[in-house]
């Protein structure tokens, strides 16, 4: 990660990057982003559509927030692929920084998340499920700056 300082005023104009839902999972994902082990993430096209959000594009920047909605870092998208979920590759799965050593492990962990009550509620679909054909957004990113309190003016 770079040590570039991101002025708080710049953060107000950036979209938020929220990984998982607030709580232990988000805390682990944010820690992995900050230590450099998480450089990819996976979303679902249906989630972007439900939220009325455009798919990410290379060069997009966003502020990563922790479980308390505090900004911690700024990331920049370095790659985006939309593929059927069943075509997710091992490199992407491993680069998610969650310790996956196989696509099957990655898939099982992500299905637990996507089939959770929280995700189904977020999509307003109590029976939501994924399968091999579900369109997935495979995103790569890099940390371009950390967020910290502005230095005191003395």
C-alpha atoms as a PDB file:
ATOM      1  CA  UNK A   1       0.000   0.000   0.000  1.00  0.00           C
ATOM      2  CA  UNK A   2       1.167   3.485  -0.662  1.00  0.00           C
ATOM      3  CA  UNK A   3       1.445   5.968   2.147  1.00  0.00           C
ATOM      4  CA  UNK A   4      -0.077   8.756   0.099  1.00  0.00           C
ATOM      5  CA  UNK A   5      -2.243  10.942   2.264  1.00  0.00           C
ATOM      6  CA  UNK A   6      -5.796  11.457   1.042  1.00  0.00           C
ATOM      7  CA  UNK A   7      -7.239  14.759   2.269  1.00  0.00           C
ATOM      8  CA  UNK A   8     -10.651  14.286   3.922  1.00  0.00           C
ATOM      9  CA  UNK A   9     -12.182  16.923   1.626  1.00  0.00           C
ATOM     10  CA  UNK A  10     -11.478  14.684  -1.382  1.00  0.00           C
ATOM     11  CA  UNK A  11     -13.314  11.743   0.207  1.00  0.00           C
ATOM     12  CA  UNK A  12     -16.669  13.518   0.171  1.00  0.00           C
ATOM     13  CA  UNK A  13     -16.812  13.349  -3.627  1.00  0.00           C
ATOM     14  CA  UNK A  14     -15.879   9.663  -3.896  1.00  0.00           C
ATOM     15  CA  UNK A  15     -18.238   6.708  -3.911  1.00  0.00           C
ATOM     16  CA  UNK A  16     -17.965   4.289  -0.991  1.00  0.00           C
ATOM     17  CA  UNK A  17     -16.520   0.821  -1.372  1.00  0.00           C
ATOM     18  CA  UNK A  18     -18.309  -1.381   1.135  1.00  0.00           C
ATOM     19  CA  UNK A  19     -16.991  -4.925   1.391  1.00  0.00           C
ATOM     20  CA  UNK A  20     -19.543  -7.358   2.770  1.00  0.00           C
ATOM     21  CA  UNK A  21     -21.910  -6.129   5.459  1.00  0.00           C
ATOM     22  CA  UNK A  22     -20.706  -4.322   8.602  1.00  0.00           C
ATOM     23  CA  UNK A  23     -19.330  -6.778  11.141  1.00  0.00           C
ATOM     24  CA  UNK A  24     -16.637  -9.452  11.347  1.00  0.00           C
ATOM     25  CA  UNK A  25     -16.561 -10.232   7.623  1.00  0.00           C
ATOM     26  CA  UNK A  26     -16.122  -6.594   6.619  1.00  0.00           C
ATOM     27  CA  UNK A  27     -13.467  -6.170   9.304  1.00  0.00           C
ATOM     28  CA  UNK A  28     -11.492  -9.131   7.875  1.00  0.00           C
ATOM     29  CA  UNK A  29     -11.857  -7.897   4.304  1.00  0.00           C
ATOM     30  CA  UNK A  30     -10.772  -4.345   5.159  1.00  0.00           C
ATOM     31  CA  UNK A  31      -7.753  -5.702   7.065  1.00  0.00           C
ATOM     32  CA  UNK A  32      -6.819  -7.803   4.010  1.00  0.00           C
ATOM     33  CA  UNK A  33      -7.091  -4.736   1.775  1.00  0.00           C
ATOM     34  CA  UNK A  34      -4.898  -2.714   4.113  1.00  0.00           C
ATOM     35  CA  UNK A  35      -2.232  -5.423   4.402  1.00  0.00           C
ATOM     36  CA  UNK A  36      -2.176  -5.876   0.608  1.00  0.00           C
ATOM     37  CA  UNK A  37      -3.426  -9.473   0.502  1.00  0.00           C
ATOM     38  CA  UNK A  38      -6.826  -8.561  -0.994  1.00  0.00           C
ATOM     39  CA  UNK A  39      -6.549  -7.196  -4.521  1.00  0.00           C
ATOM     40  CA  UNK A  40      -9.742  -8.577  -6.058  1.00  0.00           C
ATOM     41  CA  UNK A  41     -13.416  -8.820  -5.207  1.00  0.00           C
ATOM     42  CA  UNK A  42     -16.525 -10.350  -6.706  1.00  0.00           C
ATOM     43  CA  UNK A  43     -19.937  -8.796  -7.099  1.00  0.00           C
ATOM     44  CA  UNK A  44     -23.074  -9.849  -8.888  1.00  0.00           C
ATOM     45  CA  UNK A  45     -24.596  -8.000 -11.825  1.00  0.00           C
ATOM     46  CA  UNK A  46     -28.010  -8.420 -10.173  1.00  0.00           C
ATOM     47  CA  UNK A  47     -26.796  -6.525  -7.083  1.00  0.00           C
ATOM     48  CA  UNK A  48     -25.536  -3.580  -9.150  1.00  0.00           C
ATOM     49  CA  UNK A  49     -28.848  -3.525 -11.063  1.00  0.00           C
ATOM     50  CA  UNK A  50     -30.883  -3.686  -7.854  1.00  0.00           C
ATOM     51  CA  UNK A  51     -28.928  -0.748  -6.407  1.00  0.00           C
ATOM     52  CA  UNK A  52     -29.143   1.205  -9.672  1.00  0.00           C
ATOM     53  CA  UNK A  53     -25.348   1.410  -9.831  1.00  0.00           C
ATOM     54  CA  UNK A  54     -23.149   1.238 -12.908  1.00  0.00           C
ATOM     55  CA  UNK A  55     -20.645  -1.593 -13.103  1.00  0.00           C
ATOM     56  CA  UNK A  56     -17.124  -0.572 -12.095  1.00  0.00           C
ATOM     57  CA  UNK A  57     -14.720   0.590 -14.777  1.00  0.00           C
ATOM     58  CA  UNK A  58     -10.928   0.643 -14.886  1.00  0.00           C
ATOM     59  CA  UNK A  59      -9.731   3.867 -13.272  1.00  0.00           C
ATOM     60  CA  UNK A  60     -12.732   4.286 -10.963  1.00  0.00           C
ATOM     61  CA  UNK A  61     -11.755   5.260  -7.442  1.00  0.00           C
ATOM     62  CA  UNK A  62     -13.680   4.700  -4.221  1.00  0.00           C
ATOM     63  CA  UNK A  63     -13.148   5.129  -0.512  1.00  0.00           C
ATOM     64  CA  UNK A  64     -13.100   1.893   1.497  1.00  0.00           C
ATOM     65  CA  UNK A  65     -15.095   2.149   4.714  1.00  0.00           C
ATOM     66  CA  UNK A  66     -14.872  -0.014   7.814  1.00  0.00           C
ATOM     67  CA  UNK A  67     -17.748  -1.457   9.855  1.00  0.00           C
ATOM     68  CA  UNK A  68     -18.230   1.907  11.562  1.00  0.00           C
ATOM     69  CA  UNK A  69     -18.518   3.644   8.163  1.00  0.00           C
ATOM     70  CA  UNK A  70     -15.136   5.339   8.679  1.00  0.00           C
ATOM     71  CA  UNK A  71     -12.954   5.856   5.594  1.00  0.00           C
ATOM     72  CA  UNK A  72      -9.742   3.812   5.724  1.00  0.00           C
ATOM     73  CA  UNK A  73      -8.271   3.792   2.206  1.00  0.00           C
ATOM     74  CA  UNK A  74      -8.830   4.781  -1.392  1.00  0.00           C
ATOM     75  CA  UNK A  75      -8.776   2.071  -4.046  1.00  0.00           C
ATOM     76  CA  UNK A  76      -8.591   2.260  -7.824  1.00  0.00           C
ATOM     77  CA  UNK A  77     -10.100  -0.327 -10.156  1.00  0.00           C
ATOM     78  CA  UNK A  78      -7.411  -1.945 -12.323  1.00  0.00           C
ATOM     79  CA  UNK A  79      -9.502  -4.579 -14.073  1.00  0.00           C
ATOM     80  CA  UNK A  80     -13.109  -5.681 -14.539  1.00  0.00           C
ATOM     81  CA  UNK A  81     -14.506  -8.821 -16.141  1.00  0.00           C
ATOM     82  CA  UNK A  82     -18.138  -9.923 -16.250  1.00  0.00           C
ATOM     83  CA  UNK A  83     -18.285 -13.707 -16.517  1.00  0.00           C
ATOM     84  CA  UNK A  84     -20.668 -16.513 -15.614  1.00  0.00           C
ATOM     85  CA  UNK A  85     -19.983 -17.394 -11.969  1.00  0.00           C
ATOM     86  CA  UNK A  86     -18.881 -20.875 -12.991  1.00  0.00           C
ATOM     87  CA  UNK A  87     -15.977 -19.375 -14.991  1.00  0.00           C
ATOM     88  CA  UNK A  88     -14.269 -17.702 -12.019  1.00  0.00           C
ATOM     89  CA  UNK A  89     -10.583 -18.612 -12.085  1.00  0.00           C
ATOM     90  CA  UNK A  90      -8.234 -19.642  -9.282  1.00  0.00           C
ATOM     91  CA  UNK A  91      -6.047 -16.525  -9.521  1.00  0.00           C
ATOM     92  CA  UNK A  92      -9.062 -14.293  -8.907  1.00  0.00           C
ATOM     93  CA  UNK A  93     -10.241 -16.474  -6.015  1.00  0.00           C
ATOM     94  CA  UNK A  94      -6.811 -16.443  -4.365  1.00  0.00           C
ATOM     95  CA  UNK A  95      -6.382 -12.687  -4.854  1.00  0.00           C
ATOM     96  CA  UNK A  96      -9.522 -12.080  -2.801  1.00  0.00           C
ATOM     97  CA  UNK A  97      -7.203 -12.446   0.204  1.00  0.00           C
ATOM     98  CA  UNK A  98      -9.471 -14.718   2.194  1.00  0.00           C
ATOM     99  CA  UNK A  99      -7.168 -17.740   2.173  1.00  0.00           C
ATOM    100  CA  UNK A 100      -8.893 -19.688  -0.599  1.00  0.00           C
ATOM    101  CA  UNK A 101      -6.714 -22.350  -2.210  1.00  0.00           C
ATOM    102  CA  UNK A 102      -9.309 -23.658  -4.677  1.00  0.00           C
ATOM    103  CA  UNK A 103     -12.187 -22.265  -6.710  1.00  0.00           C
ATOM    104  CA  UNK A 104     -14.499 -24.720  -4.911  1.00  0.00           C
ATOM    105  CA  UNK A 105     -13.530 -23.196  -1.516  1.00  0.00           C
ATOM    106  CA  UNK A 106     -14.034 -19.704  -2.891  1.00  0.00           C
ATOM    107  CA  UNK A 107     -17.405 -20.634  -4.368  1.00  0.00           C
ATOM    108  CA  UNK A 108     -18.647 -22.226  -1.130  1.00  0.00           C
ATOM    109  CA  UNK A 109     -17.672 -19.147   0.883  1.00  0.00           C
ATOM    110  CA  UNK A 110     -19.303 -16.785  -1.583  1.00  0.00           C
ATOM    111  CA  UNK A 111     -22.475 -18.859  -1.830  1.00  0.00           C
ATOM    112  CA  UNK A 112     -22.809 -18.688   1.983  1.00  0.00           C
ATOM    113  CA  UNK A 113     -22.656 -14.885   1.667  1.00  0.00           C
ATOM    114  CA  UNK A 114     -24.937 -14.570  -1.374  1.00  0.00           C
ATOM    115  CA  UNK A 115     -27.488 -16.989   0.081  1.00  0.00           C
ATOM    116  CA  UNK A 116     -27.448 -15.322   3.507  1.00  0.00           C
ATOM    117  CA  UNK A 117     -30.523 -13.677   4.974  1.00  0.00           C
ATOM    118  CA  UNK A 118     -28.707 -10.312   4.843  1.00  0.00           C
ATOM    119  CA  UNK A 119     -27.968 -10.555   1.126  1.00  0.00           C
ATOM    120  CA  UNK A 120     -31.423 -11.854   0.284  1.00  0.00           C
ATOM    121  CA  UNK A 121     -32.924  -8.944   2.246  1.00  0.00           C
ATOM    122  CA  UNK A 122     -30.628  -6.462   0.475  1.00  0.00           C
ATOM    123  CA  UNK A 123     -31.859  -7.800  -2.879  1.00  0.00           C
ATOM    124  CA  UNK A 124     -35.499  -7.922  -1.712  1.00  0.00           C
ATOM    125  CA  UNK A 125     -35.546 -11.585  -2.779  1.00  0.00           C
ATOM    126  CA  UNK A 126     -35.972 -14.144   0.047  1.00  0.00           C
ATOM    127  CA  UNK A 127     -35.306 -17.032  -2.343  1.00  0.00           C
ATOM    128  CA  UNK A 128     -32.282 -15.598  -4.136  1.00  0.00           C
ATOM    129  CA  UNK A 129     -29.704 -18.167  -5.272  1.00  0.00           C
ATOM    130  CA  UNK A 130     -26.742 -18.250  -7.619  1.00  0.00           C
ATOM    131  CA  UNK A 131     -25.687 -20.896 -10.107  1.00  0.00           C
ATOM    132  CA  UNK A 132     -22.912 -21.393 -12.660  1.00  0.00           C
ATOM    133  CA  UNK A 133     -24.633 -19.036 -15.128  1.00  0.00           C
ATOM    134  CA  UNK A 134     -25.134 -16.127 -12.705  1.00  0.00           C
ATOM    135  CA  UNK A 135     -23.307 -13.073 -14.142  1.00  0.00           C
ATOM    136  CA  UNK A 136     -20.454 -12.140 -11.788  1.00  0.00           C
ATOM    137  CA  UNK A 137     -18.350  -8.983 -11.745  1.00  0.00           C
ATOM    138  CA  UNK A 138     -14.698  -9.916 -11.154  1.00  0.00           C
ATOM    139  CA  UNK A 139     -12.940  -6.749 -10.105  1.00  0.00           C
ATOM    140  CA  UNK A 140      -9.267  -6.074  -9.463  1.00  0.00           C
ATOM    141  CA  UNK A 141      -8.070  -3.040  -7.566  1.00  0.00           C
ATOM    142  CA  UNK A 142      -5.094  -1.446  -5.907  1.00  0.00           C
ATOM    143  CA  UNK A 143      -4.805   0.780  -2.863  1.00  0.00           C
ATOM    144  CA  UNK A 144      -3.750   4.245  -3.953  1.00  0.00           C
ATOM    145  CA  UNK A 145      -3.796   5.997  -0.595  1.00  0.00           C
ATOM    146  CA  UNK A 146      -4.527   5.599   3.031  1.00  0.00           C
ATOM    147  CA  UNK A 147      -6.939   7.755   4.951  1.00  0.00           C
ATOM    148  CA  UNK A 148      -5.921   9.190   8.254  1.00  0.00           C
ATOM    149  CA  UNK A 149      -6.534  12.337  10.224  1.00  0.00           C
ATOM    150  CA  UNK A 150      -5.078  15.449   8.676  1.00  0.00           C
ATOM    151  CA  UNK A 151      -1.790  16.458  10.230  1.00  0.00           C
ATOM    152  CA  UNK A 152      -2.195  19.137  12.882  1.00  0.00           C
ATOM    153  CA  UNK A 153      -1.260  22.597  11.758  1.00  0.00           C
ATOM    154  CA  UNK A 154       1.120  23.948  14.330  1.00  0.00           C
END
